[in-house]
Protein backbone atom coordinates (compact mmCIF):
# COMPACT_ATOMS: atom_id res chain seq x y z
CA MET A 1 94.48 79.16 101.80
CA THR A 2 93.94 82.46 100.01
CA THR A 3 95.85 83.67 96.96
CA ILE A 4 96.76 87.33 97.41
CA ALA A 5 97.78 89.76 94.68
CA LEU A 6 100.21 92.13 96.42
CA PHE A 7 101.27 95.54 95.15
CA GLY A 8 104.05 97.30 97.06
CA ALA A 9 105.80 94.19 98.37
CA THR A 10 109.25 95.83 98.48
CA GLY A 11 108.13 98.72 100.68
CA LYS A 12 108.82 98.76 104.41
CA THR A 13 105.23 97.85 105.24
CA GLY A 14 104.66 95.71 102.17
CA ARG A 15 107.62 93.47 102.97
CA ARG A 16 106.23 92.86 106.44
CA VAL A 17 102.85 91.96 104.96
CA LEU A 18 104.50 89.62 102.46
CA ASP A 19 106.44 87.78 105.17
CA ARG A 20 103.32 87.37 107.30
CA ALA A 21 101.20 86.19 104.39
CA LEU A 22 103.71 83.49 103.46
CA ARG A 23 104.09 82.36 107.07
CA ALA A 24 100.31 82.10 107.33
CA GLY A 25 100.28 79.74 104.33
CA HIS A 26 98.84 82.10 101.75
CA ASP A 27 99.95 82.10 98.13
CA VAL A 28 101.17 85.53 97.01
CA ARG A 29 101.45 87.04 93.55
CA ALA A 30 103.65 90.14 93.89
CA LEU A 31 104.17 92.81 91.26
CA VAL A 32 107.69 94.25 91.61
CA ARG A 33 109.40 96.75 89.35
CA ASP A 34 112.79 95.09 89.94
CA PRO A 35 112.49 91.45 91.11
CA ALA A 36 116.10 91.60 92.29
CA ASN A 37 114.95 93.88 95.11
CA LEU A 38 112.76 91.14 96.58
CA ASP A 39 115.11 88.68 98.26
CA VAL A 40 112.44 86.17 99.23
CA ALA A 41 112.31 82.57 98.07
CA SER A 42 109.16 80.56 98.67
CA PRO A 43 107.19 78.05 96.62
CA ARG A 44 104.12 80.08 97.60
CA LEU A 45 105.48 83.30 96.06
CA THR A 46 105.13 84.26 92.40
CA VAL A 47 106.99 87.43 91.44
CA ILE A 48 105.87 89.37 88.37
CA GLY A 49 108.23 92.01 87.06
CA GLY A 50 106.52 95.21 86.03
CA ASP A 51 104.92 98.47 87.05
CA VAL A 52 101.52 99.23 88.54
CA LEU A 53 101.01 101.74 85.72
CA ASP A 54 101.25 98.91 83.15
CA PRO A 55 97.76 97.41 82.75
CA ARG A 56 99.12 94.12 81.37
CA ALA A 57 101.48 93.56 84.31
CA VAL A 58 98.68 94.41 86.74
CA ALA A 59 96.29 92.01 85.00
CA GLU A 60 98.87 89.21 85.17
CA THR A 61 99.34 89.82 88.89
CA VAL A 62 95.62 89.81 89.67
CA ALA A 63 94.80 86.76 87.55
CA GLY A 64 94.07 83.79 89.80
CA ALA A 65 93.97 85.83 93.00
CA ASP A 66 91.21 85.73 95.60
CA ALA A 67 91.93 89.18 97.02
CA VAL A 68 94.17 92.19 96.41
CA LEU A 69 96.36 94.16 98.83
CA SER A 70 97.47 97.48 97.35
CA LEU A 71 100.21 98.98 99.49
CA PHE A 72 102.19 100.98 96.95
CA GLY A 73 102.56 104.72 97.37
CA GLN A 74 104.42 107.72 96.13
CA VAL A 75 108.16 108.07 96.54
CA LYS A 76 110.50 110.77 95.32
CA GLY A 77 110.08 111.16 91.56
CA SER A 78 106.74 109.34 91.34
CA PRO A 79 104.06 110.66 88.98
CA ALA A 80 101.66 112.99 90.79
CA THR A 81 98.72 110.67 90.16
CA LEU A 82 100.48 107.35 90.80
CA GLN A 83 98.05 105.97 93.38
CA ALA A 84 94.93 106.95 91.47
CA ASP A 85 96.19 105.68 88.12
CA GLY A 86 97.58 102.46 89.59
CA THR A 87 94.31 101.87 91.43
CA ARG A 88 92.37 102.28 88.18
CA ASN A 89 94.50 99.56 86.62
CA ILE A 90 93.96 97.28 89.61
CA VAL A 91 90.20 97.84 89.59
CA ALA A 92 90.03 97.10 85.86
CA ALA A 93 92.03 93.89 86.31
CA MET A 94 89.86 92.78 89.22
CA ARG A 95 86.68 93.32 87.24
CA HIS A 96 88.11 91.33 84.36
CA SER A 97 89.16 88.45 86.63
CA GLY A 98 86.09 88.53 88.85
CA VAL A 99 88.02 89.40 92.04
CA ARG A 100 86.03 91.49 94.52
CA ARG A 101 88.09 92.08 97.68
CA LEU A 102 90.50 95.03 97.59
CA VAL A 103 92.36 96.53 100.55
CA THR A 104 94.46 99.67 100.08
CA LEU A 105 96.71 101.67 102.39
CA SER A 106 96.63 105.42 102.85
CA GLY A 107 97.70 108.06 105.33
CA GLY A 108 95.81 109.76 108.10
CA GLY A 109 95.27 112.88 106.00
CA LEU A 110 92.47 111.16 104.12
CA ARG A 111 89.16 111.90 105.85
CA ALA A 112 86.23 109.60 106.72
CA PRO A 113 82.71 110.61 107.81
CA GLN A 114 83.25 109.01 111.25
CA ASP A 115 86.35 111.10 112.02
CA ARG A 116 86.38 113.63 114.83
CA PRO A 117 89.83 115.12 114.29
CA LYS A 118 91.55 116.68 117.28
CA LEU A 119 94.25 119.33 117.16
CA PRO A 120 97.15 116.91 116.35
CA ASP A 121 95.07 115.40 113.51
CA ARG A 122 94.28 118.82 112.08
CA ILE A 123 97.92 119.90 112.32
CA MET A 124 99.02 116.71 110.54
CA ARG A 125 96.59 117.30 107.71
CA LEU A 126 97.62 120.96 107.34
CA LEU A 127 101.28 119.96 107.19
CA LEU A 128 100.55 117.28 104.63
CA LYS A 129 98.63 119.73 102.45
CA ALA A 130 101.40 122.31 102.74
CA LEU A 131 104.37 119.99 102.21
CA SER A 132 102.92 117.20 100.05
CA GLY A 133 99.60 118.45 98.73
CA HIS A 134 99.89 116.33 95.61
CA VAL A 135 100.17 113.16 97.72
CA LEU A 136 96.94 113.97 99.56
CA ALA A 137 95.19 114.89 96.30
CA ASP A 138 96.30 111.58 94.79
CA ALA A 139 95.00 109.67 97.84
CA GLU A 140 91.65 111.44 97.59
CA GLN A 141 91.40 110.63 93.90
CA HIS A 142 92.26 106.96 94.55
CA LEU A 143 89.38 106.90 97.04
CA ARG A 144 86.99 108.23 94.40
CA VAL A 145 88.16 105.48 92.05
CA LEU A 146 87.33 102.91 94.71
CA GLN A 147 83.95 104.43 95.50
CA SER A 148 82.87 104.05 91.89
CA SER A 149 84.41 100.60 91.41
CA GLY A 150 81.57 98.39 92.63
CA LEU A 151 84.15 96.29 94.51
CA ASP A 152 84.38 95.28 98.17
CA TRP A 153 87.06 97.80 99.07
CA THR A 154 88.55 98.97 102.36
CA VAL A 155 91.03 101.81 102.78
CA VAL A 156 93.23 101.27 105.84
CA ARG A 157 94.53 104.58 107.16
CA ALA A 158 97.54 104.91 109.41
CA PRO A 159 99.19 107.80 111.27
CA ARG A 160 102.95 108.19 111.62
CA LEU A 161 104.68 104.85 111.01
CA VAL A 162 107.46 103.96 113.42
CA GLU A 163 110.27 101.43 113.17
CA VAL A 164 109.79 99.74 116.54
CA PRO A 165 108.81 96.15 117.31
CA GLY A 166 105.10 95.50 117.17
CA ARG A 167 103.18 95.10 120.40
CA GLY A 168 100.80 92.53 118.94
CA ARG A 169 97.85 94.79 119.62
CA TYR A 170 96.48 98.00 118.15
CA ARG A 171 93.41 100.19 118.11
CA VAL A 172 91.02 100.35 115.17
CA GLY A 173 88.92 103.49 115.19
CA TRP A 174 88.69 106.81 113.40
CA ALA A 175 90.84 109.92 113.37
CA GLY A 176 90.30 111.52 116.76
CA VAL A 177 88.19 108.59 117.98
CA ASN A 178 89.97 105.78 119.84
CA ALA A 179 93.21 106.64 118.06
CA SER A 180 96.74 107.86 118.63
CA THR A 181 99.21 109.54 116.28
CA ARG A 182 101.55 106.59 115.58
CA ILE A 183 101.71 102.87 114.90
CA SER A 184 104.43 100.28 114.46
CA ARG A 185 104.79 98.97 110.92
CA ASP A 186 104.64 95.47 112.39
CA ASP A 187 101.22 96.05 113.95
CA LEU A 188 99.97 97.78 110.80
CA ALA A 189 101.06 94.78 108.72
CA ASP A 190 99.20 92.46 111.09
CA PHE A 191 95.99 94.42 110.67
CA LEU A 192 96.30 94.71 106.90
CA LEU A 193 96.53 90.96 106.55
CA THR A 194 93.40 90.44 108.67
CA GLN A 195 91.42 92.49 106.18
CA ILE A 196 91.71 89.80 103.52
CA GLU A 197 89.04 87.80 105.36
CA ASP A 198 87.44 90.40 107.62
CA ARG A 199 84.51 92.22 106.01
CA SER A 200 83.77 94.53 108.96
CA PHE A 201 85.10 97.58 107.15
CA VAL A 202 83.88 97.09 103.58
CA HIS A 203 83.39 100.54 102.01
CA GLN A 204 84.98 102.20 105.05
CA LEU A 205 88.29 103.83 106.03
CA PRO A 206 89.37 102.44 109.43
CA PHE A 207 92.15 104.28 111.24
CA VAL A 208 94.70 101.96 112.88
CA SER A 209 97.01 103.18 115.63
CA ASP A 210 98.76 102.00 118.77
């Protein structure tokens, strides 16, 4: 099975991805700021204590991995450039270790060339810019880091995340094209894990919704 370097394992979506990865038989190397917050015990799980802004901790997490899932994001009090700076560290570690596959998670405010945003999509982006402009700017900068990385990256975008049981199915399209404005975290986690092996969206920004 695959060895996955996972960033953001203690988040609401990251924890779902971690559980699914372990159940599927993957080995996981998870970087966690406080290992006590990750109440998971598995012989397939290696927990590294540290921060994504620490290049040495990131390098230790990536070493020996076959692919990287980067699901961390900004929370209250985070540095304004957390996602971009953390992604730079991950890219550097992947280059050093010879790992090519990188999947990151972002919000629907990030734009892709295939998007055809409708009114709800435009309203969502305007609200994000007005209320959390630094988060959108950080996401856009993280994308530029990926685009210049030379790696096999995919940015998975999601609309509003809801705490309801997954339906076991979802739509993969573009903003305004075969898409809705919400998705269950369960279904998002399912799709994220598929992207470890699936190369359909290399160098693209698929939009996943229910």
